[in-house]
Amino acid sequence: MVKFFAVGLGGAIGSIARYCIAVLAQKAGSLHFPLSTFFVNIAGSLMIGFCWSYFERVHISHEFRLFIFTGFLGGFTTFSTFTREAAQFFKAGEPFHAISYLVFSNVIGLAAVLFGFSLSLYLSR
């Protein structure tokens, strides 16, 4: 039961954080690019890389790992919204925007995971 609570609490916090970023992005102005989803997915990639590296060196309970990875980062990042936004670009006849969004999100997301992993190693020296 503790594992379910850890995932649920983490997911709630991550989802609320994602919603707050979406509200802030909306207030900042309307770009023709889904900036809030892009930002949370890149930030989540950075965090997962950092935590992955850190948790390999420090003992963290399984429940806390579930809270961070499955709960918080699962609720914070959003693959379903990302793919819907890319599909909307295609549907609107904007394949360049769709492909750019898909490529940038994946390439920068992977780079963020690797950077977060390396940053954690660097900071632990």
PDB file of N, CA and C in Angstrom:
ATOM      1  N   MET A   1       0.815  -1.189   0.000  1.00  0.00           N
ATOM      2  CA  MET A   1       0.000   0.000   0.000  1.00  0.00           C
ATOM      3  C   MET A   1       0.866   1.263   0.000  1.00  0.00           C
ATOM      4  N   VAL A   2       2.009   1.217   0.641  1.00  0.00           N
ATOM      5  CA  VAL A   2       2.913   2.366   0.686  1.00  0.00           C
ATOM      6  C   VAL A   2       3.399   2.711  -0.721  1.00  0.00           C
ATOM      7  N   LYS A   3       3.643   1.699  -1.539  1.00  0.00           N
ATOM      8  CA  LYS A   3       4.112   1.935  -2.909  1.00  0.00           C
ATOM      9  C   LYS A   3       3.049   2.678  -3.727  1.00  0.00           C
ATOM     10  N   PHE A   4       1.798   2.297  -3.573  1.00  0.00           N
ATOM     11  CA  PHE A   4       0.715   2.982  -4.285  1.00  0.00           C
ATOM     12  C   PHE A   4       0.603   4.438  -3.829  1.00  0.00           C
ATOM     13  N   PHE A   5       0.738   4.652  -2.523  1.00  0.00           N
ATOM     14  CA  PHE A   5       0.678   6.011  -1.986  1.00  0.00           C
ATOM     15  C   PHE A   5       1.842   6.852  -2.517  1.00  0.00           C
ATOM     16  N   ALA A   6       3.027   6.262  -2.568  1.00  0.00           N
ATOM     17  CA  ALA A   6       4.210   6.982  -3.062  1.00  0.00           C
ATOM     18  C   ALA A   6       4.013   7.405  -4.517  1.00  0.00           C
ATOM     19  N   VAL A   7       3.526   6.498  -5.345  1.00  0.00           N
ATOM     20  CA  VAL A   7       3.292   6.814  -6.758  1.00  0.00           C
ATOM     21  C   VAL A   7       2.187   7.857  -6.890  1.00  0.00           C
ATOM     22  N   GLY A   8       1.102   7.692  -6.151  1.00  0.00           N
ATOM     23  CA  GLY A   8      -0.023   8.621  -6.235  1.00  0.00           C
ATOM     24  C   GLY A   8       0.336  10.022  -5.777  1.00  0.00           C
ATOM     25  N   LEU A   9       1.038  10.125  -4.660  1.00  0.00           N
ATOM     26  CA  LEU A   9       1.433  11.434  -4.155  1.00  0.00           C
ATOM     27  C   LEU A   9       2.417  12.104  -5.111  1.00  0.00           C
ATOM     28  N   GLY A  10       3.403  11.351  -5.570  1.00  0.00           N
ATOM     29  CA  GLY A  10       4.367  11.899  -6.526  1.00  0.00           C
ATOM     30  C   GLY A  10       3.690  12.341  -7.808  1.00  0.00           C
ATOM     31  N   GLY A  11       2.770  11.539  -8.306  1.00  0.00           N
ATOM     32  CA  GLY A  11       2.044  11.875  -9.528  1.00  0.00           C
ATOM     33  C   GLY A  11       1.207  13.132  -9.368  1.00  0.00           C
ATOM     34  N   ALA A  12       0.563  13.269  -8.219  1.00  0.00           N
ATOM     35  CA  ALA A  12      -0.242  14.468  -7.965  1.00  0.00           C
ATOM     36  C   ALA A  12       0.644  15.711  -7.942  1.00  0.00           C
ATOM     37  N   ILE A  13       1.760  15.638  -7.252  1.00  0.00           N
ATOM     38  CA  ILE A  13       2.667  16.788  -7.171  1.00  0.00           C
ATOM     39  C   ILE A  13       3.232  17.122  -8.551  1.00  0.00           C
ATOM     40  N   GLY A  14       3.641  16.099  -9.301  1.00  0.00           N
ATOM     41  CA  GLY A  14       4.179  16.319 -10.647  1.00  0.00           C
ATOM     42  C   GLY A  14       3.150  16.918 -11.588  1.00  0.00           C
ATOM     43  N   SER A  15       1.918  16.431 -11.514  1.00  0.00           N
ATOM     44  CA  SER A  15       0.856  16.953 -12.382  1.00  0.00           C
ATOM     45  C   SER A  15       0.515  18.397 -12.047  1.00  0.00           C
ATOM     46  N   ILE A  16       0.481  18.721 -10.768  1.00  0.00           N
ATOM     47  CA  ILE A  16       0.211  20.101 -10.357  1.00  0.00           C
ATOM     48  C   ILE A  16       1.345  21.017 -10.820  1.00  0.00           C
ATOM     49  N   ALA A  17       2.581  20.548 -10.685  1.00  0.00           N
ATOM     50  CA  ALA A  17       3.729  21.347 -11.143  1.00  0.00           C
ATOM     51  C   ALA A  17       3.645  21.585 -12.649  1.00  0.00           C
ATOM     52  N   ARG A  18       3.282  20.546 -13.409  1.00  0.00           N
ATOM     53  CA  ARG A  18       3.146  20.701 -14.860  1.00  0.00           C
ATOM     54  C   ARG A  18       2.042  21.698 -15.194  1.00  0.00           C
ATOM     55  N   TYR A  19       0.927  21.620 -14.494  1.00  0.00           N
ATOM     56  CA  TYR A  19      -0.180  22.550 -14.743  1.00  0.00           C
ATOM     57  C   TYR A  19       0.247  23.986 -14.438  1.00  0.00           C
ATOM     58  N   CYS A  20       0.976  24.188 -13.359  1.00  0.00           N
ATOM     59  CA  CYS A  20       1.457  25.544 -13.014  1.00  0.00           C
ATOM     60  C   CYS A  20       2.353  26.102 -14.119  1.00  0.00           C
ATOM     61  N   ILE A  21       3.197  25.279 -14.668  1.00  0.00           N
ATOM     62  CA  ILE A  21       4.069  25.725 -15.762  1.00  0.00           C
ATOM     63  C   ILE A  21       3.235  26.069 -16.998  1.00  0.00           C
ATOM     64  N   ALA A  22       2.210  25.276 -17.278  1.00  0.00           N
ATOM     65  CA  ALA A  22       1.335  25.567 -18.423  1.00  0.00           C
ATOM     66  C   ALA A  22       0.623  26.904 -18.235  1.00  0.00           C
ATOM     67  N   VAL A  23       0.164  27.185 -17.016  1.00  0.00           N
ATOM     68  CA  VAL A  23      -0.512  28.456 -16.737  1.00  0.00           C
ATOM     69  C   VAL A  23       0.466  29.616 -16.909  1.00  0.00           C
ATOM     70  N   LEU A  24       1.685  29.466 -16.397  1.00  0.00           N
ATOM     71  CA  LEU A  24       2.696  30.517 -16.541  1.00  0.00           C
ATOM     72  C   LEU A  24       3.057  30.742 -18.004  1.00  0.00           C
ATOM     73  N   ALA A  25       3.178  29.668 -18.758  1.00  0.00           N
ATOM     74  CA  ALA A  25       3.505  29.796 -20.179  1.00  0.00           C
ATOM     75  C   ALA A  25       2.383  30.497 -20.928  1.00  0.00           C
ATOM     76  N   GLN A  26       1.151  30.218 -20.552  1.00  0.00           N
ATOM     77  CA  GLN A  26       0.007  30.853 -21.195  1.00  0.00           C
ATOM     78  C   GLN A  26      -0.012  32.356 -20.917  1.00  0.00           C
ATOM     79  N   LYS A  27       0.345  32.740 -19.699  1.00  0.00           N
ATOM     80  CA  LYS A  27       0.381  34.155 -19.330  1.00  0.00           C
ATOM     81  C   LYS A  27       1.528  34.884 -20.020  1.00  0.00           C
ATOM     82  N   ALA A  28       2.608  34.147 -20.310  1.00  0.00           N
ATOM     83  CA  ALA A  28       3.786  34.760 -20.937  1.00  0.00           C
ATOM     84  C   ALA A  28       3.529  35.110 -22.392  1.00  0.00           C
ATOM     85  N   GLY A  29       2.552  34.510 -22.987  1.00  0.00           N
ATOM     86  CA  GLY A  29       2.251  34.811 -24.382  1.00  0.00           C
ATOM     87  C   GLY A  29       2.033  33.546 -25.169  1.00  0.00           C
ATOM     88  N   SER A  30       1.428  33.694 -26.284  1.00  0.00           N
ATOM     89  CA  SER A  30       1.089  32.557 -27.122  1.00  0.00           C
ATOM     90  C   SER A  30       2.068  32.444 -28.277  1.00  0.00           C
ATOM     91  N   LEU A  31       2.911  31.459 -28.205  1.00  0.00           N
ATOM     92  CA  LEU A  31       3.803  31.149 -29.318  1.00  0.00           C
ATOM     93  C   LEU A  31       3.156  30.061 -30.162  1.00  0.00           C
ATOM     94  N   HIS A  32       3.604  29.933 -31.360  1.00  0.00           N
ATOM     95  CA  HIS A  32       3.107  28.861 -32.214  1.00  0.00           C
ATOM     96  C   HIS A  32       3.967  27.612 -31.992  1.00  0.00           C
ATOM     97  N   PHE A  33       4.209  27.332 -30.729  1.00  0.00           N
ATOM     98  CA  PHE A  33       5.033  26.190 -30.334  1.00  0.00           C
ATOM     99  C   PHE A  33       4.586  25.790 -28.935  1.00  0.00           C
ATOM    100  N   PRO A  34       4.366  24.508 -28.680  1.00  0.00           N
ATOM    101  CA  PRO A  34       3.915  24.064 -27.352  1.00  0.00           C
ATOM    102  C   PRO A  34       5.058  24.117 -26.331  1.00  0.00           C
ATOM    103  N   LEU A  35       5.412  25.325 -25.938  1.00  0.00           N
ATOM    104  CA  LEU A  35       6.573  25.563 -25.093  1.00  0.00           C
ATOM    105  C   LEU A  35       6.461  24.911 -23.720  1.00  0.00           C
ATOM    106  N   SER A  36       5.294  24.942 -23.100  1.00  0.00           N
ATOM    107  CA  SER A  36       5.190  24.374 -21.751  1.00  0.00           C
ATOM    108  C   SER A  36       5.420  22.865 -21.768  1.00  0.00           C
ATOM    109  N   THR A  37       4.865  22.156 -22.729  1.00  0.00           N
ATOM    110  CA  THR A  37       5.098  20.711 -22.815  1.00  0.00           C
ATOM    111  C   THR A  37       6.558  20.425 -23.119  1.00  0.00           C
ATOM    112  N   PHE A  38       7.120  21.195 -24.044  1.00  0.00           N
ATOM    113  CA  PHE A  38       8.539  21.038 -24.378  1.00  0.00           C
ATOM    114  C   PHE A  38       9.396  21.247 -23.130  1.00  0.00           C
ATOM    115  N   PHE A  39       9.120  22.318 -22.390  1.00  0.00           N
ATOM    116  CA  PHE A  39       9.911  22.631 -21.198  1.00  0.00           C
ATOM    117  C   PHE A  39       9.812  21.525 -20.148  1.00  0.00           C
ATOM    118  N   VAL A  40       8.580  21.081 -19.821  1.00  0.00           N
ATOM    119  CA  VAL A  40       8.463  20.063 -18.768  1.00  0.00           C
ATOM    120  C   VAL A  40       9.108  18.752 -19.190  1.00  0.00           C
ATOM    121  N   ASN A  41       9.014  18.414 -20.467  1.00  0.00           N
ATOM    122  CA  ASN A  41       9.642  17.165 -20.907  1.00  0.00           C
ATOM    123  C   ASN A  41      11.169  17.256 -20.873  1.00  0.00           C
ATOM    124  N   ILE A  42      11.735  18.405 -21.221  1.00  0.00           N
ATOM    125  CA  ILE A  42      13.188  18.572 -21.155  1.00  0.00           C
ATOM    126  C   ILE A  42      13.641  18.642 -19.696  1.00  0.00           C
ATOM    127  N   ALA A  43      12.926  19.407 -18.889  1.00  0.00           N
ATOM    128  CA  ALA A  43      13.265  19.496 -17.462  1.00  0.00           C
ATOM    129  C   ALA A  43      13.147  18.130 -16.795  1.00  0.00           C
ATOM    130  N   GLY A  44      12.102  17.375 -17.147  1.00  0.00           N
ATOM    131  CA  GLY A  44      11.939  16.022 -16.606  1.00  0.00           C
ATOM    132  C   GLY A  44      13.064  15.103 -17.050  1.00  0.00           C
ATOM    133  N   SER A  45      13.508  15.260 -18.286  1.00  0.00           N
ATOM    134  CA  SER A  45      14.634  14.465 -18.781  1.00  0.00           C
ATOM    135  C   SER A  45      15.905  14.787 -18.007  1.00  0.00           C
ATOM    136  N   LEU A  46      16.131  16.061 -17.763  1.00  0.00           N
ATOM    137  CA  LEU A  46      17.291  16.469 -16.974  1.00  0.00           C
ATOM    138  C   LEU A  46      17.206  15.878 -15.558  1.00  0.00           C
ATOM    139  N   MET A  47      16.036  15.980 -14.943  1.00  0.00           N
ATOM    140  CA  MET A  47      15.863  15.462 -13.579  1.00  0.00           C
ATOM    141  C   MET A  47      16.025  13.953 -13.509  1.00  0.00           C
ATOM    142  N   ILE A  48      15.501  13.241 -14.513  1.00  0.00           N
ATOM    143  CA  ILE A  48      15.604  11.788 -14.463  1.00  0.00           C
ATOM    144  C   ILE A  48      17.052  11.336 -14.652  1.00  0.00           C
ATOM    145  N   GLY A  49      17.795  12.042 -15.502  1.00  0.00           N
ATOM    146  CA  GLY A  49      19.209  11.717 -15.655  1.00  0.00           C
ATOM    147  C   GLY A  49      19.979  11.975 -14.378  1.00  0.00           C
ATOM    148  N   PHE A  50      19.708  13.119 -13.749  1.00  0.00           N
ATOM    149  CA  PHE A  50      20.392  13.478 -12.503  1.00  0.00           C
ATOM    150  C   PHE A  50      20.070  12.459 -11.401  1.00  0.00           C
ATOM    151  N   CYS A  51      18.782  12.184 -11.217  1.00  0.00           N
ATOM    152  CA  CYS A  51      18.372  11.240 -10.165  1.00  0.00           C
ATOM    153  C   CYS A  51      18.884   9.826 -10.431  1.00  0.00           C
ATOM    154  N   TRP A  52      18.846   9.401 -11.676  1.00  0.00           N
ATOM    155  CA  TRP A  52      19.331   8.078 -12.047  1.00  0.00           C
ATOM    156  C   TRP A  52      20.794   7.919 -11.625  1.00  0.00           C
ATOM    157  N   SER A  53      21.606   8.886 -11.973  1.00  0.00           N
ATOM    158  CA  SER A  53      23.021   8.832 -11.603  1.00  0.00           C
ATOM    159  C   SER A  53      23.191   8.886 -10.093  1.00  0.00           C
ATOM    160  N   TYR A  54      22.491   9.795  -9.448  1.00  0.00           N
ATOM    161  CA  TYR A  54      22.624   9.963  -7.998  1.00  0.00           C
ATOM    162  C   TYR A  54      22.177   8.707  -7.256  1.00  0.00           C
ATOM    163  N   PHE A  55      21.052   8.143  -7.662  1.00  0.00           N
ATOM    164  CA  PHE A  55      20.508   6.985  -6.974  1.00  0.00           C
ATOM    165  C   PHE A  55      21.338   5.715  -7.193  1.00  0.00           C
ATOM    166  N   GLU A  56      22.197   5.720  -8.206  1.00  0.00           N
ATOM    167  CA  GLU A  56      23.110   4.585  -8.388  1.00  0.00           C
ATOM    168  C   GLU A  56      24.212   4.586  -7.338  1.00  0.00           C
ATOM    169  N   ARG A  57      24.483   5.753  -6.765  1.00  0.00           N
ATOM    170  CA  ARG A  57      25.576   5.888  -5.805  1.00  0.00           C
ATOM    171  C   ARG A  57      25.109   6.007  -4.361  1.00  0.00           C
ATOM    172  N   VAL A  58      23.849   6.336  -4.163  1.00  0.00           N
ATOM    173  CA  VAL A  58      23.306   6.560  -2.825  1.00  0.00           C
ATOM    174  C   VAL A  58      22.131   5.618  -2.623  1.00  0.00           C
ATOM    175  N   HIS A  59      22.077   5.001  -1.447  1.00  0.00           N
ATOM    176  CA  HIS A  59      20.956   4.101  -1.179  1.00  0.00           C
ATOM    177  C   HIS A  59      19.681   4.914  -0.973  1.00  0.00           C
ATOM    178  N   ILE A  60      18.701   4.643  -1.811  1.00  0.00           N
ATOM    179  CA  ILE A  60      17.383   5.270  -1.734  1.00  0.00           C
ATOM    180  C   ILE A  60      16.361   4.140  -1.716  1.00  0.00           C
ATOM    181  N   SER A  61      15.388   4.245  -0.864  1.00  0.00           N
ATOM    182  CA  SER A  61      14.380   3.185  -0.767  1.00  0.00           C
ATOM    183  C   SER A  61      13.626   3.019  -2.087  1.00  0.00           C
ATOM    184  N   HIS A  62      13.107   1.830  -2.271  1.00  0.00           N
ATOM    185  CA  HIS A  62      12.322   1.543  -3.477  1.00  0.00           C
ATOM    186  C   HIS A  62      11.096   2.455  -3.545  1.00  0.00           C
ATOM    187  N   GLU A  63      10.492   2.717  -2.398  1.00  0.00           N
ATOM    188  CA  GLU A  63       9.310   3.573  -2.351  1.00  0.00           C
ATOM    189  C   GLU A  63       9.648   5.002  -2.783  1.00  0.00           C
ATOM    190  N   PHE A  64      10.816   5.512  -2.375  1.00  0.00           N
ATOM    191  CA  PHE A  64      11.187   6.864  -2.774  1.00  0.00           C
ATOM    192  C   PHE A  64      11.504   6.912  -4.269  1.00  0.00           C
ATOM    193  N   ARG A  65      12.115   5.865  -4.793  1.00  0.00           N
ATOM    194  CA  ARG A  65      12.353   5.786  -6.245  1.00  0.00           C
ATOM    195  C   ARG A  65      11.025   5.813  -6.998  1.00  0.00           C
ATOM    196  N   LEU A  66      10.049   5.059  -6.505  1.00  0.00           N
ATOM    197  CA  LEU A  66       8.721   5.068  -7.130  1.00  0.00           C
ATOM    198  C   LEU A  66       8.101   6.467  -7.056  1.00  0.00           C
ATOM    199  N   PHE A  67       8.254   7.127  -5.914  1.00  0.00           N
ATOM    200  CA  PHE A  67       7.728   8.476  -5.745  1.00  0.00           C
ATOM    201  C   PHE A  67       8.328   9.422  -6.786  1.00  0.00           C
ATOM    202  N   ILE A  68       9.656   9.370  -6.958  1.00  0.00           N
ATOM    203  CA  ILE A  68      10.341  10.285  -7.882  1.00  0.00           C
ATOM    204  C   ILE A  68      10.103   9.906  -9.341  1.00  0.00           C
ATOM    205  N   PHE A  69      10.476   8.663  -9.714  1.00  0.00           N
ATOM    206  CA  PHE A  69      10.466   8.272 -11.130  1.00  0.00           C
ATOM    207  C   PHE A  69       9.056   8.042 -11.668  1.00  0.00           C
ATOM    208  N   THR A  70       8.323   7.137 -11.055  1.00  0.00           N
ATOM    209  CA  THR A  70       7.002   6.785 -11.569  1.00  0.00           C
ATOM    210  C   THR A  70       5.973   7.850 -11.216  1.00  0.00           C
ATOM    211  N   GLY A  71       6.031   8.343  -9.981  1.00  0.00           N
ATOM    212  CA  GLY A  71       5.053   9.330  -9.534  1.00  0.00           C
ATOM    213  C   GLY A  71       5.326  10.726 -10.049  1.00  0.00           C
ATOM    214  N   PHE A  72       6.309  11.407  -9.439  1.00  0.00           N
ATOM    215  CA  PHE A  72       6.538  12.811  -9.775  1.00  0.00           C
ATOM    216  C   PHE A  72       6.900  13.012 -11.243  1.00  0.00           C
ATOM    217  N   LEU A  73       7.942  12.332 -11.726  1.00  0.00           N
ATOM    218  CA  LEU A  73       8.366  12.550 -13.113  1.00  0.00           C
ATOM    219  C   LEU A  73       7.352  12.009 -14.114  1.00  0.00           C
ATOM    220  N   GLY A  74       6.642  10.946 -13.735  1.00  0.00           N
ATOM    221  CA  GLY A  74       5.567  10.439 -14.597  1.00  0.00           C
ATOM    222  C   GLY A  74       4.419  11.426 -14.707  1.00  0.00           C
ATOM    223  N   GLY A  75       4.106  12.110 -13.602  1.00  0.00           N
ATOM    224  CA  GLY A  75       3.047  13.111 -13.624  1.00  0.00           C
ATOM    225  C   GLY A  75       3.502  14.440 -14.212  1.00  0.00           C
ATOM    226  N   PHE A  76       4.775  14.741 -14.053  1.00  0.00           N
ATOM    227  CA  PHE A  76       5.318  16.021 -14.517  1.00  0.00           C
ATOM    228  C   PHE A  76       5.512  16.039 -16.027  1.00  0.00           C
ATOM    229  N   THR A  77       6.113  14.993 -16.562  1.00  0.00           N
ATOM    230  CA  THR A  77       6.332  14.925 -18.009  1.00  0.00           C
ATOM    231  C   THR A  77       5.094  14.340 -18.666  1.00  0.00           C
ATOM    232  N   THR A  78       5.006  14.499 -19.976  1.00  0.00           N
ATOM    233  CA  THR A  78       3.772  14.078 -20.621  1.00  0.00           C
ATOM    234  C   THR A  78       3.985  13.654 -22.071  1.00  0.00           C
ATOM    235  N   PHE A  79       4.111  12.372 -22.272  1.00  0.00           N
ATOM    236  CA  PHE A  79       4.293  11.862 -23.618  1.00  0.00           C
ATOM    237  C   PHE A  79       3.000  11.965 -24.423  1.00  0.00           C
ATOM    238  N   SER A  80       1.875  11.734 -23.786  1.00  0.00           N
ATOM    239  CA  SER A  80       0.611  11.765 -24.524  1.00  0.00           C
ATOM    240  C   SER A  80       0.311  13.168 -25.052  1.00  0.00           C
ATOM    241  N   THR A  81       0.552  14.196 -24.259  1.00  0.00           N
ATOM    242  CA  THR A  81       0.331  15.564 -24.727  1.00  0.00           C
ATOM    243  C   THR A  81       1.319  15.907 -25.832  1.00  0.00           C
ATOM    244  N   PHE A  82       2.557  15.489 -25.656  1.00  0.00           N
ATOM    245  CA  PHE A  82       3.601  15.716 -26.659  1.00  0.00           C
ATOM    246  C   PHE A  82       3.181  15.143 -28.019  1.00  0.00           C
ATOM    247  N   THR A  83       2.720  13.901 -28.036  1.00  0.00           N
ATOM    248  CA  THR A  83       2.354  13.285 -29.311  1.00  0.00           C
ATOM    249  C   THR A  83       1.084  13.905 -29.892  1.00  0.00           C
ATOM    250  N   ARG A  84       0.153  14.313 -29.028  1.00  0.00           N
ATOM    251  CA  ARG A  84      -1.061  14.978 -29.520  1.00  0.00           C
ATOM    252  C   ARG A  84      -0.710  16.311 -30.167  1.00  0.00           C
ATOM    253  N   GLU A  85       0.191  17.058 -29.552  1.00  0.00           N
ATOM    254  CA  GLU A  85       0.583  18.351 -30.112  1.00  0.00           C
ATOM    255  C   GLU A  85       1.292  18.176 -31.459  1.00  0.00           C
ATOM    256  N   ALA A  86       2.129  17.160 -31.553  1.00  0.00           N
ATOM    257  CA  ALA A  86       2.791  16.892 -32.833  1.00  0.00           C
ATOM    258  C   ALA A  86       1.746  16.514 -33.889  1.00  0.00           C
ATOM    259  N   ALA A  87       0.788  15.692 -33.512  1.00  0.00           N
ATOM    260  CA  ALA A  87      -0.264  15.294 -34.453  1.00  0.00           C
ATOM    261  C   ALA A  87      -1.105  16.501 -34.877  1.00  0.00           C
ATOM    262  N   GLN A  88      -1.329  17.440 -33.969  1.00  0.00           N
ATOM    263  CA  GLN A  88      -2.089  18.644 -34.314  1.00  0.00           C
ATOM    264  C   GLN A  88      -1.361  19.470 -35.372  1.00  0.00           C
ATOM    265  N   PHE A  89      -0.033  19.538 -35.284  1.00  0.00           N
ATOM    266  CA  PHE A  89       0.729  20.241 -36.319  1.00  0.00           C
ATOM    267  C   PHE A  89       0.521  19.581 -37.679  1.00  0.00           C
ATOM    268  N   PHE A  90       0.590  18.244 -37.716  1.00  0.00           N
ATOM    269  CA  PHE A  90       0.361  17.538 -38.982  1.00  0.00           C
ATOM    270  C   PHE A  90      -1.052  17.813 -39.487  1.00  0.00           C
ATOM    271  N   LYS A  91      -2.020  17.731 -38.589  1.00  0.00           N
ATOM    272  CA  LYS A  91      -3.424  17.936 -38.963  1.00  0.00           C
ATOM    273  C   LYS A  91      -3.653  19.353 -39.501  1.00  0.00           C
ATOM    274  N   ALA A  92      -2.924  20.322 -38.949  1.00  0.00           N
ATOM    275  CA  ALA A  92      -3.066  21.718 -39.385  1.00  0.00           C
ATOM    276  C   ALA A  92      -2.275  22.004 -40.655  1.00  0.00           C
ATOM    277  N   GLY A  93      -1.656  20.971 -41.234  1.00  0.00           N
ATOM    278  CA  GLY A  93      -0.891  21.160 -42.465  1.00  0.00           C
ATOM    279  C   GLY A  93       0.453  21.822 -42.233  1.00  0.00           C
ATOM    280  N   GLU A  94       1.031  21.599 -41.060  1.00  0.00           N
ATOM    281  CA  GLU A  94       2.326  22.183 -40.719  1.00  0.00           C
ATOM    282  C   GLU A  94       3.336  21.075 -40.395  1.00  0.00           C
ATOM    283  N   PRO A  95       3.709  20.291 -41.408  1.00  0.00           N
ATOM    284  CA  PRO A  95       4.612  19.172 -41.146  1.00  0.00           C
ATOM    285  C   PRO A  95       5.995  19.614 -40.652  1.00  0.00           C
ATOM    286  N   PHE A  96       6.464  20.797 -41.096  1.00  0.00           N
ATOM    287  CA  PHE A  96       7.766  21.277 -40.628  1.00  0.00           C
ATOM    288  C   PHE A  96       7.749  21.499 -39.113  1.00  0.00           C
ATOM    289  N   HIS A  97       6.678  22.129 -38.599  1.00  0.00           N
ATOM    290  CA  HIS A  97       6.558  22.341 -37.157  1.00  0.00           C
ATOM    291  C   HIS A  97       6.477  21.000 -36.420  1.00  0.00           C
ATOM    292  N   ALA A  98       5.716  20.070 -36.975  1.00  0.00           N
ATOM    293  CA  ALA A  98       5.564  18.761 -36.337  1.00  0.00           C
ATOM    294  C   ALA A  98       6.900  18.025 -36.250  1.00  0.00           C
ATOM    295  N   ILE A  99       7.593  17.966 -37.358  1.00  0.00           N
ATOM    296  CA  ILE A  99       8.870  17.238 -37.389  1.00  0.00           C
ATOM    297  C   ILE A  99       9.912  17.951 -36.532  1.00  0.00           C
ATOM    298  N   SER A 100       9.931  19.276 -36.586  1.00  0.00           N
ATOM    299  CA  SER A 100      10.866  20.039 -35.743  1.00  0.00           C
ATOM    300  C   SER A 100      10.606  19.754 -34.263  1.00  0.00           C
ATOM    301  N   TYR A 101       9.349  19.778 -33.872  1.00  0.00           N
ATOM    302  CA  TYR A 101       8.963  19.526 -32.483  1.00  0.00           C
ATOM    303  C   TYR A 101       9.376  18.120 -32.063  1.00  0.00           C
ATOM    304  N   LEU A 102       9.101  17.142 -32.902  1.00  0.00           N
ATOM    305  CA  LEU A 102       9.469  15.763 -32.585  1.00  0.00           C
ATOM    306  C   LEU A 102      10.981  15.593 -32.463  1.00  0.00           C
ATOM    307  N   VAL A 103      11.721  16.129 -33.417  1.00  0.00           N
ATOM    308  CA  VAL A 103      13.182  15.983 -33.416  1.00  0.00           C
ATOM    309  C   VAL A 103      13.806  16.737 -32.253  1.00  0.00           C
ATOM    310  N   PHE A 104      13.455  18.026 -32.097  1.00  0.00           N
ATOM    311  CA  PHE A 104      14.046  18.816 -31.013  1.00  0.00           C
ATOM    312  C   PHE A 104      13.727  18.215 -29.645  1.00  0.00           C
ATOM    313  N   SER A 105      12.484  17.803 -29.435  1.00  0.00           N
ATOM    314  CA  SER A 105      12.103  17.237 -28.142  1.00  0.00           C
ATOM    315  C   SER A 105      12.902  15.971 -27.829  1.00  0.00           C
ATOM    316  N   ASN A 106      13.056  15.108 -28.820  1.00  0.00           N
ATOM    317  CA  ASN A 106      13.771  13.860 -28.571  1.00  0.00           C
ATOM    318  C   ASN A 106      15.279  14.056 -28.443  1.00  0.00           C
ATOM    319  N   VAL A 107      15.855  14.838 -29.320  1.00  0.00           N
ATOM    320  CA  VAL A 107      17.309  15.054 -29.284  1.00  0.00           C
ATOM    321  C   VAL A 107      17.699  15.841 -28.029  1.00  0.00           C
ATOM    322  N   ILE A 108      16.991  16.931 -27.762  1.00  0.00           N
ATOM    323  CA  ILE A 108      17.321  17.732 -26.583  1.00  0.00           C
ATOM    324  C   ILE A 108      16.965  16.973 -25.305  1.00  0.00           C
ATOM    325  N   GLY A 109      15.884  16.195 -25.336  1.00  0.00           N
ATOM    326  CA  GLY A 109      15.521  15.378 -24.176  1.00  0.00           C
ATOM    327  C   GLY A 109      16.593  14.355 -23.846  1.00  0.00           C
ATOM    328  N   LEU A 110      17.103  13.673 -24.852  1.00  0.00           N
ATOM    329  CA  LEU A 110      18.181  12.706 -24.634  1.00  0.00           C
ATOM    330  C   LEU A 110      19.436  13.411 -24.126  1.00  0.00           C
ATOM    331  N   ALA A 111      19.760  14.558 -24.709  1.00  0.00           N
ATOM    332  CA  ALA A 111      20.922  15.325 -24.250  1.00  0.00           C
ATOM    333  C   ALA A 111      20.737  15.768 -22.799  1.00  0.00           C
ATOM    334  N   ALA A 112      19.506  16.125 -22.422  1.00  0.00           N
ATOM    335  CA  ALA A 112      19.236  16.547 -21.044  1.00  0.00           C
ATOM    336  C   ALA A 112      19.421  15.392 -20.064  1.00  0.00           C
ATOM    337  N   VAL A 113      18.987  14.189 -20.441  1.00  0.00           N
ATOM    338  CA  VAL A 113      19.202  13.022 -19.577  1.00  0.00           C
ATOM    339  C   VAL A 113      20.694  12.796 -19.370  1.00  0.00           C
ATOM    340  N   LEU A 114      21.447  12.817 -20.451  1.00  0.00           N
ATOM    341  CA  LEU A 114      22.890  12.594 -20.357  1.00  0.00           C
ATOM    342  C   LEU A 114      23.576  13.715 -19.574  1.00  0.00           C
ATOM    343  N   PHE A 115      23.131  14.959 -19.777  1.00  0.00           N
ATOM    344  CA  PHE A 115      23.694  16.081 -19.034  1.00  0.00           C
ATOM    345  C   PHE A 115      23.379  15.957 -17.547  1.00  0.00           C
ATOM    346  N   GLY A 116      22.141  15.616 -17.217  1.00  0.00           N
ATOM    347  CA  GLY A 116      21.756  15.439 -15.813  1.00  0.00           C
ATOM    348  C   GLY A 116      22.553  14.341 -15.146  1.00  0.00           C
ATOM    349  N   PHE A 117      22.758  13.237 -15.845  1.00  0.00           N
ATOM    350  CA  PHE A 117      23.550  12.130 -15.331  1.00  0.00           C
ATOM    351  C   PHE A 117      24.984  12.603 -15.067  1.00  0.00           C
ATOM    352  N   SER A 118      25.578  13.296 -16.032  1.00  0.00           N
ATOM    353  CA  SER A 118      26.952  13.795 -15.899  1.00  0.00           C
ATOM    354  C   SER A 118      27.059  14.859 -14.811  1.00  0.00           C
ATOM    355  N   LEU A 119      26.064  15.731 -14.723  1.00  0.00           N
ATOM    356  CA  LEU A 119      26.067  16.776 -13.708  1.00  0.00           C
ATOM    357  C   LEU A 119      26.068  16.177 -12.307  1.00  0.00           C
ATOM    358  N   SER A 120      25.272  15.154 -12.116  1.00  0.00           N
ATOM    359  CA  SER A 120      25.227  14.483 -10.814  1.00  0.00           C
ATOM    360  C   SER A 120      26.588  13.886 -10.476  1.00  0.00           C
ATOM    361  N   LEU A 121      27.210  13.249 -11.448  1.00  0.00           N
ATOM    362  CA  LEU A 121      28.555  12.692 -11.209  1.00  0.00           C
ATOM    363  C   LEU A 121      29.555  13.780 -10.880  1.00  0.00           C
ATOM    364  N   TYR A 122      29.500  14.885 -11.614  1.00  0.00           N
ATOM    365  CA  TYR A 122      30.419  16.002 -11.389  1.00  0.00           C
ATOM    366  C   TYR A 122      30.236  16.607  -9.991  1.00  0.00           C
ATOM    367  N   LEU A 123      28.995  16.809  -9.588  1.00  0.00           N
ATOM    368  CA  LEU A 123      28.714  17.425  -8.291  1.00  0.00           C
ATOM    369  C   LEU A 123      29.051  16.520  -7.114  1.00  0.00           C
ATOM    370  N   SER A 124      29.120  15.221  -7.369  1.00  0.00           N
ATOM    371  CA  SER A 124      29.423  14.292  -6.275  1.00  0.00           C
ATOM    372  C   SER A 124      30.915  14.120  -6.026  1.00  0.00           C
ATOM    373  N   ARG A 125      31.746  14.763  -6.829  1.00  0.00           N
ATOM    374  CA  ARG A 125      33.204  14.641  -6.633  1.00  0.00           C
ATOM    375  C   ARG A 125      33.672  15.386  -5.435  1.00  0.00           C
TER     376      ARG A 125
END
